[in-house]
Amino acid sequence: MEINKIDQQTLALLHKAFEIVLEQNNVTYNKIGIAEDGEQLLFLYEGKDEKVHVFNWSKTSSIGVSIGVLAQSVLMPIIPHLRLLS
């Protein structure tokens, strides 16, 4: 499914896709979230340190991209960092 607009349903699907990518890469977490902040989308990650770490990317770069591809492209560069936090 390609992203045509950012709405609550899209954010929920992104959340699930992020969970799948984290599980596939053996990254544990207490909580994760996806949120909008103006022209940015935010990935909120809480690991074992119980602090919320925020990673952001451009909302416009997400339009026309499949949800799975977006989850991979956002998370794969930060997986090593997330493993340190998990």
PDB file of N, CA and C in Angstrom:
ATOM      1  N   MET A   1       0.832  -1.177   0.000  1.00  0.00           N
ATOM      2  CA  MET A   1       0.000   0.000   0.000  1.00  0.00           C
ATOM      3  C   MET A   1       0.880   1.245   0.000  1.00  0.00           C
ATOM      4  N   GLU A   2       0.671   2.104  -0.981  1.00  0.00           N
ATOM      5  CA  GLU A   2       1.409   3.355  -1.039  1.00  0.00           C
ATOM      6  C   GLU A   2       0.701   4.424  -0.215  1.00  0.00           C
ATOM      7  N   ILE A   3       1.479   5.294   0.370  1.00  0.00           N
ATOM      8  CA  ILE A   3       0.935   6.372   1.177  1.00  0.00           C
ATOM      9  C   ILE A   3       0.497   7.493   0.248  1.00  0.00           C
ATOM     10  N   ASN A   4      -0.782   7.859   0.322  1.00  0.00           N
ATOM     11  CA  ASN A   4      -1.320   8.961  -0.468  1.00  0.00           C
ATOM     12  C   ASN A   4      -1.522  10.204   0.376  1.00  0.00           C
ATOM     13  N   LYS A   5      -1.793   9.999   1.669  1.00  0.00           N
ATOM     14  CA  LYS A   5      -1.976  11.103   2.600  1.00  0.00           C
ATOM     15  C   LYS A   5      -1.620  10.611   3.989  1.00  0.00           C
ATOM     16  N   ILE A   6      -1.318  11.544   4.843  1.00  0.00           N
ATOM     17  CA  ILE A   6      -0.996  11.196   6.225  1.00  0.00           C
ATOM     18  C   ILE A   6      -2.247  11.466   7.064  1.00  0.00           C
ATOM     19  N   ASP A   7      -2.845  10.391   7.546  1.00  0.00           N
ATOM     20  CA  ASP A   7      -4.005  10.491   8.423  1.00  0.00           C
ATOM     21  C   ASP A   7      -3.840   9.457   9.534  1.00  0.00           C
ATOM     22  N   GLN A   8      -4.815   9.349  10.405  1.00  0.00           N
ATOM     23  CA  GLN A   8      -4.703   8.425  11.545  1.00  0.00           C
ATOM     24  C   GLN A   8      -4.562   6.973  11.102  1.00  0.00           C
ATOM     25  N   GLN A   9      -5.271   6.585  10.054  1.00  0.00           N
ATOM     26  CA  GLN A   9      -5.159   5.210   9.564  1.00  0.00           C
ATOM     27  C   GLN A   9      -3.752   4.931   9.037  1.00  0.00           C
ATOM     28  N   THR A  10      -3.188   5.878   8.311  1.00  0.00           N
ATOM     29  CA  THR A  10      -1.823   5.718   7.798  1.00  0.00           C
ATOM     30  C   THR A  10      -0.827   5.627   8.943  1.00  0.00           C
ATOM     31  N   LEU A  11      -0.990   6.478   9.951  1.00  0.00           N
ATOM     32  CA  LEU A  11      -0.084   6.437  11.101  1.00  0.00           C
ATOM     33  C   LEU A  11      -0.178   5.096  11.826  1.00  0.00           C
ATOM     34  N   ALA A  12      -1.383   4.546  11.935  1.00  0.00           N
ATOM     35  CA  ALA A  12      -1.555   3.239  12.585  1.00  0.00           C
ATOM     36  C   ALA A  12      -0.870   2.136  11.777  1.00  0.00           C
ATOM     37  N   LEU A  13      -0.998   2.187  10.453  1.00  0.00           N
ATOM     38  CA  LEU A  13      -0.337   1.200   9.605  1.00  0.00           C
ATOM     39  C   LEU A  13       1.188   1.343   9.671  1.00  0.00           C
ATOM     40  N   LEU A  14       1.668   2.571   9.714  1.00  0.00           N
ATOM     41  CA  LEU A  14       3.108   2.798   9.860  1.00  0.00           C
ATOM     42  C   LEU A  14       3.606   2.230  11.185  1.00  0.00           C
ATOM     43  N   HIS A  15       2.838   2.440  12.248  1.00  0.00           N
ATOM     44  CA  HIS A  15       3.202   1.923  13.567  1.00  0.00           C
ATOM     45  C   HIS A  15       3.387   0.407  13.498  1.00  0.00           C
ATOM     46  N   LYS A  16       2.433  -0.274  12.879  1.00  0.00           N
ATOM     47  CA  LYS A  16       2.519  -1.733  12.761  1.00  0.00           C
ATOM     48  C   LYS A  16       3.731  -2.145  11.927  1.00  0.00           C
ATOM     49  N   ALA A  17       3.980  -1.434  10.833  1.00  0.00           N
ATOM     50  CA  ALA A  17       5.139  -1.743   9.986  1.00  0.00           C
ATOM     51  C   ALA A  17       6.445  -1.533  10.756  1.00  0.00           C
ATOM     52  N   PHE A  18       6.512  -0.490  11.562  1.00  0.00           N
ATOM     53  CA  PHE A  18       7.714  -0.257  12.367  1.00  0.00           C
ATOM     54  C   PHE A  18       7.897  -1.382  13.378  1.00  0.00           C
ATOM     55  N   GLU A  19       6.821  -1.835  14.003  1.00  0.00           N
ATOM     56  CA  GLU A  19       6.915  -2.964  14.941  1.00  0.00           C
ATOM     57  C   GLU A  19       7.498  -4.190  14.248  1.00  0.00           C
ATOM     58  N   ILE A  20       7.021  -4.466  13.042  1.00  0.00           N
ATOM     59  CA  ILE A  20       7.490  -5.640  12.291  1.00  0.00           C
ATOM     60  C   ILE A  20       8.974  -5.526  11.989  1.00  0.00           C
ATOM     61  N   VAL A  21       9.410  -4.371  11.518  1.00  0.00           N
ATOM     62  CA  VAL A  21      10.835  -4.181  11.188  1.00  0.00           C
ATOM     63  C   VAL A  21      11.690  -4.331  12.444  1.00  0.00           C
ATOM     64  N   LEU A  22      11.248  -3.776  13.556  1.00  0.00           N
ATOM     65  CA  LEU A  22      12.010  -3.912  14.804  1.00  0.00           C
ATOM     66  C   LEU A  22      12.093  -5.368  15.233  1.00  0.00           C
ATOM     67  N   GLU A  23      10.985  -6.097  15.152  1.00  0.00           N
ATOM     68  CA  GLU A  23      10.986  -7.522  15.509  1.00  0.00           C
ATOM     69  C   GLU A  23      11.926  -8.308  14.603  1.00  0.00           C
ATOM     70  N   GLN A  24      11.881  -8.044  13.303  1.00  0.00           N
ATOM     71  CA  GLN A  24      12.732  -8.752  12.354  1.00  0.00           C
ATOM     72  C   GLN A  24      14.216  -8.508  12.622  1.00  0.00           C
ATOM     73  N   ASN A  25      14.529  -7.373  13.216  1.00  0.00           N
ATOM     74  CA  ASN A  25      15.914  -7.023  13.495  1.00  0.00           C
ATOM     75  C   ASN A  25      16.287  -7.192  14.964  1.00  0.00           C
ATOM     76  N   ASN A  26      15.433  -7.907  15.705  1.00  0.00           N
ATOM     77  CA  ASN A  26      15.684  -8.226  17.110  1.00  0.00           C
ATOM     78  C   ASN A  26      15.961  -6.995  17.971  1.00  0.00           C
ATOM     79  N   VAL A  27      15.183  -5.946  17.751  1.00  0.00           N
ATOM     80  CA  VAL A  27      15.291  -4.736  18.555  1.00  0.00           C
ATOM     81  C   VAL A  27      14.091  -4.701  19.496  1.00  0.00           C
ATOM     82  N   THR A  28      14.379  -4.725  20.791  1.00  0.00           N
ATOM     83  CA  THR A  28      13.304  -4.681  21.778  1.00  0.00           C
ATOM     84  C   THR A  28      13.010  -3.232  22.163  1.00  0.00           C
ATOM     85  N   TYR A  29      11.844  -3.009  22.719  1.00  0.00           N
ATOM     86  CA  TYR A  29      11.440  -1.658  23.122  1.00  0.00           C
ATOM     87  C   TYR A  29      10.360  -1.760  24.177  1.00  0.00           C
ATOM     88  N   ASN A  30      10.215  -0.694  24.958  1.00  0.00           N
ATOM     89  CA  ASN A  30       9.096  -0.599  25.886  1.00  0.00           C
ATOM     90  C   ASN A  30       7.874  -0.091  25.148  1.00  0.00           C
ATOM     91  N   LYS A  31       8.056   1.016  24.408  1.00  0.00           N
ATOM     92  CA  LYS A  31       6.973   1.619  23.635  1.00  0.00           C
ATOM     93  C   LYS A  31       7.559   2.255  22.391  1.00  0.00           C
ATOM     94  N   ILE A  32       6.739   2.299  21.333  1.00  0.00           N
ATOM     95  CA  ILE A  32       7.086   3.073  20.155  1.00  0.00           C
ATOM     96  C   ILE A  32       5.850   3.853  19.720  1.00  0.00           C
ATOM     97  N   GLY A  33       6.068   4.865  18.921  1.00  0.00           N
ATOM     98  CA  GLY A  33       4.955   5.639  18.403  1.00  0.00           C
ATOM     99  C   GLY A  33       5.345   6.347  17.126  1.00  0.00           C
ATOM    100  N   ILE A  34       4.347   6.702  16.350  1.00  0.00           N
ATOM    101  CA  ILE A  34       4.521   7.496  15.140  1.00  0.00           C
ATOM    102  C   ILE A  34       3.605   8.709  15.301  1.00  0.00           C
ATOM    103  N   ALA A  35       4.132   9.906  15.045  1.00  0.00           N
ATOM    104  CA  ALA A  35       3.328  11.118  15.211  1.00  0.00           C
ATOM    105  C   ALA A  35       3.677  12.138  14.132  1.00  0.00           C
ATOM    106  N   GLU A  36       2.772  13.080  13.950  1.00  0.00           N
ATOM    107  CA  GLU A  36       2.997  14.206  13.036  1.00  0.00           C
ATOM    108  C   GLU A  36       3.430  15.417  13.845  1.00  0.00           C
ATOM    109  N   ASP A  37       4.313  16.212  13.254  1.00  0.00           N
ATOM    110  CA  ASP A  37       4.715  17.477  13.849  1.00  0.00           C
ATOM    111  C   ASP A  37       4.984  18.449  12.711  1.00  0.00           C
ATOM    112  N   GLY A  38       3.959  19.156  12.304  1.00  0.00           N
ATOM    113  CA  GLY A  38       4.094  20.072  11.169  1.00  0.00           C
ATOM    114  C   GLY A  38       4.406  19.305   9.896  1.00  0.00           C
ATOM    115  N   GLU A  39       5.530  19.626   9.290  1.00  0.00           N
ATOM    116  CA  GLU A  39       5.942  18.971   8.043  1.00  0.00           C
ATOM    117  C   GLU A  39       6.808  17.740   8.293  1.00  0.00           C
ATOM    118  N   GLN A  40       6.920  17.326   9.548  1.00  0.00           N
ATOM    119  CA  GLN A  40       7.741  16.175   9.912  1.00  0.00           C
ATOM    120  C   GLN A  40       6.881  15.026  10.427  1.00  0.00           C
ATOM    121  N   LEU A  41       7.381  13.828  10.239  1.00  0.00           N
ATOM    122  CA  LEU A  41       6.840  12.660  10.927  1.00  0.00           C
ATOM    123  C   LEU A  41       7.875  12.263  11.957  1.00  0.00           C
ATOM    124  N   LEU A  42       7.416  11.786  13.098  1.00  0.00           N
ATOM    125  CA  LEU A  42       8.306  11.432  14.200  1.00  0.00           C
ATOM    126  C   LEU A  42       8.167   9.964  14.556  1.00  0.00           C
ATOM    127  N   PHE A  43       9.293   9.319  14.779  1.00  0.00           N
ATOM    128  CA  PHE A  43       9.327   7.972  15.327  1.00  0.00           C
ATOM    129  C   PHE A  43       9.771   8.133  16.773  1.00  0.00           C
ATOM    130  N   LEU A  44       8.919   7.753  17.694  1.00  0.00           N
ATOM    131  CA  LEU A  44       9.199   7.866  19.121  1.00  0.00           C
ATOM    132  C   LEU A  44       9.550   6.475  19.650  1.00  0.00           C
ATOM    133  N   TYR A  45      10.684   6.378  20.314  1.00  0.00           N
ATOM    134  CA  TYR A  45      11.191   5.091  20.765  1.00  0.00           C
ATOM    135  C   TYR A  45      11.558   5.174  22.241  1.00  0.00           C
ATOM    136  N   GLU A  46      11.010   4.253  23.027  1.00  0.00           N
ATOM    137  CA  GLU A  46      11.383   4.147  24.434  1.00  0.00           C
ATOM    138  C   GLU A  46      12.015   2.784  24.652  1.00  0.00           C
ATOM    139  N   GLY A  47      13.268   2.789  25.042  1.00  0.00           N
ATOM    140  CA  GLY A  47      13.998   1.549  25.292  1.00  0.00           C
ATOM    141  C   GLY A  47      14.157   1.305  26.774  1.00  0.00           C
ATOM    142  N   LYS A  48      15.198   0.554  27.107  1.00  0.00           N
ATOM    143  CA  LYS A  48      15.405   0.172  28.504  1.00  0.00           C
ATOM    144  C   LYS A  48      15.749   1.348  29.414  1.00  0.00           C
ATOM    145  N   ASP A  49      16.237   2.458  28.830  1.00  0.00           N
ATOM    146  CA  ASP A  49      16.564   3.620  29.646  1.00  0.00           C
ATOM    147  C   ASP A  49      15.331   4.432  30.040  1.00  0.00           C
ATOM    148  N   GLU A  50      14.154   4.033  29.525  1.00  0.00           N
ATOM    149  CA  GLU A  50      12.866   4.657  29.822  1.00  0.00           C
ATOM    150  C   GLU A  50      12.797   6.121  29.402  1.00  0.00           C
ATOM    151  N   LYS A  51      13.690   6.530  28.512  1.00  0.00           N
ATOM    152  CA  LYS A  51      13.635   7.863  27.925  1.00  0.00           C
ATOM    153  C   LYS A  51      13.069   7.730  26.521  1.00  0.00           C
ATOM    154  N   VAL A  52      12.368   8.764  26.077  1.00  0.00           N
ATOM    155  CA  VAL A  52      11.821   8.755  24.728  1.00  0.00           C
ATOM    156  C   VAL A  52      12.836   9.392  23.787  1.00  0.00           C
ATOM    157  N   HIS A  53      13.222   8.649  22.775  1.00  0.00           N
ATOM    158  CA  HIS A  53      14.147   9.126  21.755  1.00  0.00           C
ATOM    159  C   HIS A  53      13.324   9.411  20.506  1.00  0.00           C
ATOM    160  N   VAL A  54      13.588  10.543  19.871  1.00  0.00           N
ATOM    161  CA  VAL A  54      12.789  10.992  18.739  1.00  0.00           C
ATOM    162  C   VAL A  54      13.659  11.034  17.481  1.00  0.00           C
ATOM    163  N   PHE A  55      13.148  10.413  16.424  1.00  0.00           N
ATOM    164  CA  PHE A  55      13.799  10.411  15.120  1.00  0.00           C
ATOM    165  C   PHE A  55      12.780  10.963  14.131  1.00  0.00           C
ATOM    166  N   ASN A  56      13.179  11.925  13.309  1.00  0.00           N
ATOM    167  CA  ASN A  56      12.201  12.529  12.416  1.00  0.00           C
ATOM    168  C   ASN A  56      12.632  12.455  10.956  1.00  0.00           C
ATOM    169  N   TRP A  57      11.637  12.569  10.083  1.00  0.00           N
ATOM    170  CA  TRP A  57      11.867  12.619   8.649  1.00  0.00           C
ATOM    171  C   TRP A  57      10.753  13.437   8.018  1.00  0.00           C
ATOM    172  N   SER A  58      10.964  13.835   6.776  1.00  0.00           N
ATOM    173  CA  SER A  58      10.026  14.704   6.074  1.00  0.00           C
ATOM    174  C   SER A  58       8.748  13.973   5.709  1.00  0.00           C
ATOM    175  N   LYS A  59       7.631  14.605   6.017  1.00  0.00           N
ATOM    176  CA  LYS A  59       6.326  14.043   5.679  1.00  0.00           C
ATOM    177  C   LYS A  59       6.176  13.932   4.157  1.00  0.00           C
ATOM    178  N   THR A  60       6.633  14.938   3.421  1.00  0.00           N
ATOM    179  CA  THR A  60       6.459  14.928   1.965  1.00  0.00           C
ATOM    180  C   THR A  60       7.260  13.803   1.306  1.00  0.00           C
ATOM    181  N   SER A  61       8.368  13.394   1.913  1.00  0.00           N
ATOM    182  CA  SER A  61       9.146  12.293   1.333  1.00  0.00           C
ATOM    183  C   SER A  61       8.452  10.947   1.512  1.00  0.00           C
ATOM    184  N   SER A  62       7.399  10.901   2.320  1.00  0.00           N
ATOM    185  CA  SER A  62       6.671   9.660   2.566  1.00  0.00           C
ATOM    186  C   SER A  62       5.545   9.420   1.567  1.00  0.00           C
ATOM    187  N   ILE A  63       5.106  10.470   0.902  1.00  0.00           N
ATOM    188  CA  ILE A  63       3.994  10.352  -0.051  1.00  0.00           C
ATOM    189  C   ILE A  63       4.460   9.580  -1.288  1.00  0.00           C
ATOM    190  N   GLY A  64       3.662   8.590  -1.688  1.00  0.00           N
ATOM    191  CA  GLY A  64       3.983   7.777  -2.855  1.00  0.00           C
ATOM    192  C   GLY A  64       4.881   6.586  -2.570  1.00  0.00           C
ATOM    193  N   VAL A  65       5.251   6.408  -1.320  1.00  0.00           N
ATOM    194  CA  VAL A  65       6.128   5.304  -0.909  1.00  0.00           C
ATOM    195  C   VAL A  65       5.274   4.253  -0.209  1.00  0.00           C
ATOM    196  N   SER A  66       5.601   2.993  -0.403  1.00  0.00           N
ATOM    197  CA  SER A  66       4.844   1.955   0.300  1.00  0.00           C
ATOM    198  C   SER A  66       5.200   1.987   1.790  1.00  0.00           C
ATOM    199  N   ILE A  67       4.259   1.577   2.597  1.00  0.00           N
ATOM    200  CA  ILE A  67       4.438   1.612   4.049  1.00  0.00           C
ATOM    201  C   ILE A  67       5.626   0.751   4.480  1.00  0.00           C
ATOM    202  N   GLY A  68       5.750  -0.434   3.919  1.00  0.00           N
ATOM    203  CA  GLY A  68       6.864  -1.315   4.284  1.00  0.00           C
ATOM    204  C   GLY A  68       8.215  -0.740   3.897  1.00  0.00           C
ATOM    205  N   VAL A  69       8.296  -0.168   2.711  1.00  0.00           N
ATOM    206  CA  VAL A  69       9.550   0.443   2.249  1.00  0.00           C
ATOM    207  C   VAL A  69       9.912   1.633   3.135  1.00  0.00           C
ATOM    208  N   LEU A  70       8.923   2.422   3.496  1.00  0.00           N
ATOM    209  CA  LEU A  70       9.171   3.575   4.362  1.00  0.00           C
ATOM    210  C   LEU A  70       9.693   3.122   5.724  1.00  0.00           C
ATOM    211  N   ALA A  71       9.066   2.123   6.308  1.00  0.00           N
ATOM    212  CA  ALA A  71       9.516   1.620   7.607  1.00  0.00           C
ATOM    213  C   ALA A  71      10.964   1.143   7.529  1.00  0.00           C
ATOM    214  N   GLN A  72      11.286   0.417   6.480  1.00  0.00           N
ATOM    215  CA  GLN A  72      12.662  -0.060   6.297  1.00  0.00           C
ATOM    216  C   GLN A  72      13.631   1.107   6.129  1.00  0.00           C
ATOM    217  N   SER A  73      13.273   2.074   5.287  1.00  0.00           N
ATOM    218  CA  SER A  73      14.198   3.167   4.991  1.00  0.00           C
ATOM    219  C   SER A  73      14.423   4.078   6.193  1.00  0.00           C
ATOM    220  N   VAL A  74      13.420   4.226   7.046  1.00  0.00           N
ATOM    221  CA  VAL A  74      13.591   5.049   8.248  1.00  0.00           C
ATOM    222  C   VAL A  74      14.385   4.294   9.307  1.00  0.00           C
ATOM    223  N   LEU A  75      14.067   3.027   9.506  1.00  0.00           N
ATOM    224  CA  LEU A  75      14.656   2.290  10.631  1.00  0.00           C
ATOM    225  C   LEU A  75      16.040   1.703  10.365  1.00  0.00           C
ATOM    226  N   MET A  76      16.297   1.211   9.169  1.00  0.00           N
ATOM    227  CA  MET A  76      17.559   0.503   8.944  1.00  0.00           C
ATOM    228  C   MET A  76      18.796   1.343   9.287  1.00  0.00           C
ATOM    229  N   PRO A  77      18.839   2.628   8.956  1.00  0.00           N
ATOM    230  CA  PRO A  77      20.029   3.404   9.342  1.00  0.00           C
ATOM    231  C   PRO A  77      20.201   3.580  10.849  1.00  0.00           C
ATOM    232  N   ILE A  78      19.121   3.473  11.614  1.00  0.00           N
ATOM    233  CA  ILE A  78      19.223   3.698  13.056  1.00  0.00           C
ATOM    234  C   ILE A  78      19.158   2.409  13.883  1.00  0.00           C
ATOM    235  N   ILE A  79      19.040   1.266  13.237  1.00  0.00           N
ATOM    236  CA  ILE A  79      18.969  -0.016  13.968  1.00  0.00           C
ATOM    237  C   ILE A  79      20.160  -0.194  14.911  1.00  0.00           C
ATOM    238  N   PRO A  80      21.400   0.073  14.488  1.00  0.00           N
ATOM    239  CA  PRO A  80      22.516  -0.093  15.452  1.00  0.00           C
ATOM    240  C   PRO A  80      22.347   0.771  16.697  1.00  0.00           C
ATOM    241  N   HIS A  81      21.885   1.985  16.522  1.00  0.00           N
ATOM    242  CA  HIS A  81      21.654   2.878  17.663  1.00  0.00           C
ATOM    243  C   HIS A  81      20.527   2.352  18.553  1.00  0.00           C
ATOM    244  N   LEU A  82      19.454   1.872  17.918  1.00  0.00           N
ATOM    245  CA  LEU A  82      18.321   1.346  18.688  1.00  0.00           C
ATOM    246  C   LEU A  82      18.726   0.111  19.477  1.00  0.00           C
ATOM    247  N   ARG A  83      19.603  -0.706  18.929  1.00  0.00           N
ATOM    248  CA  ARG A  83      20.060  -1.904  19.665  1.00  0.00           C
ATOM    249  C   ARG A  83      20.785  -1.509  20.949  1.00  0.00           C
ATOM    250  N   LEU A  84      21.535  -0.408  20.894  1.00  0.00           N
ATOM    251  CA  LEU A  84      22.217   0.065  22.090  1.00  0.00           C
ATOM    252  C   LEU A  84      21.232   0.537  23.155  1.00  0.00           C
ATOM    253  N   LEU A  85      20.088   1.045  22.712  1.00  0.00           N
ATOM    254  CA  LEU A  85      19.079   1.537  23.630  1.00  0.00           C
ATOM    255  C   LEU A  85      18.145   0.451  24.146  1.00  0.00           C
ATOM    256  N   SER A  86      18.106  -0.701  23.462  1.00  0.00           N
ATOM    257  CA  SER A  86      17.141  -1.740  23.828  1.00  0.00           C
ATOM    258  C   SER A  86      17.663  -2.657  24.916  1.00  0.00           C
TER     259      SER A  86
END
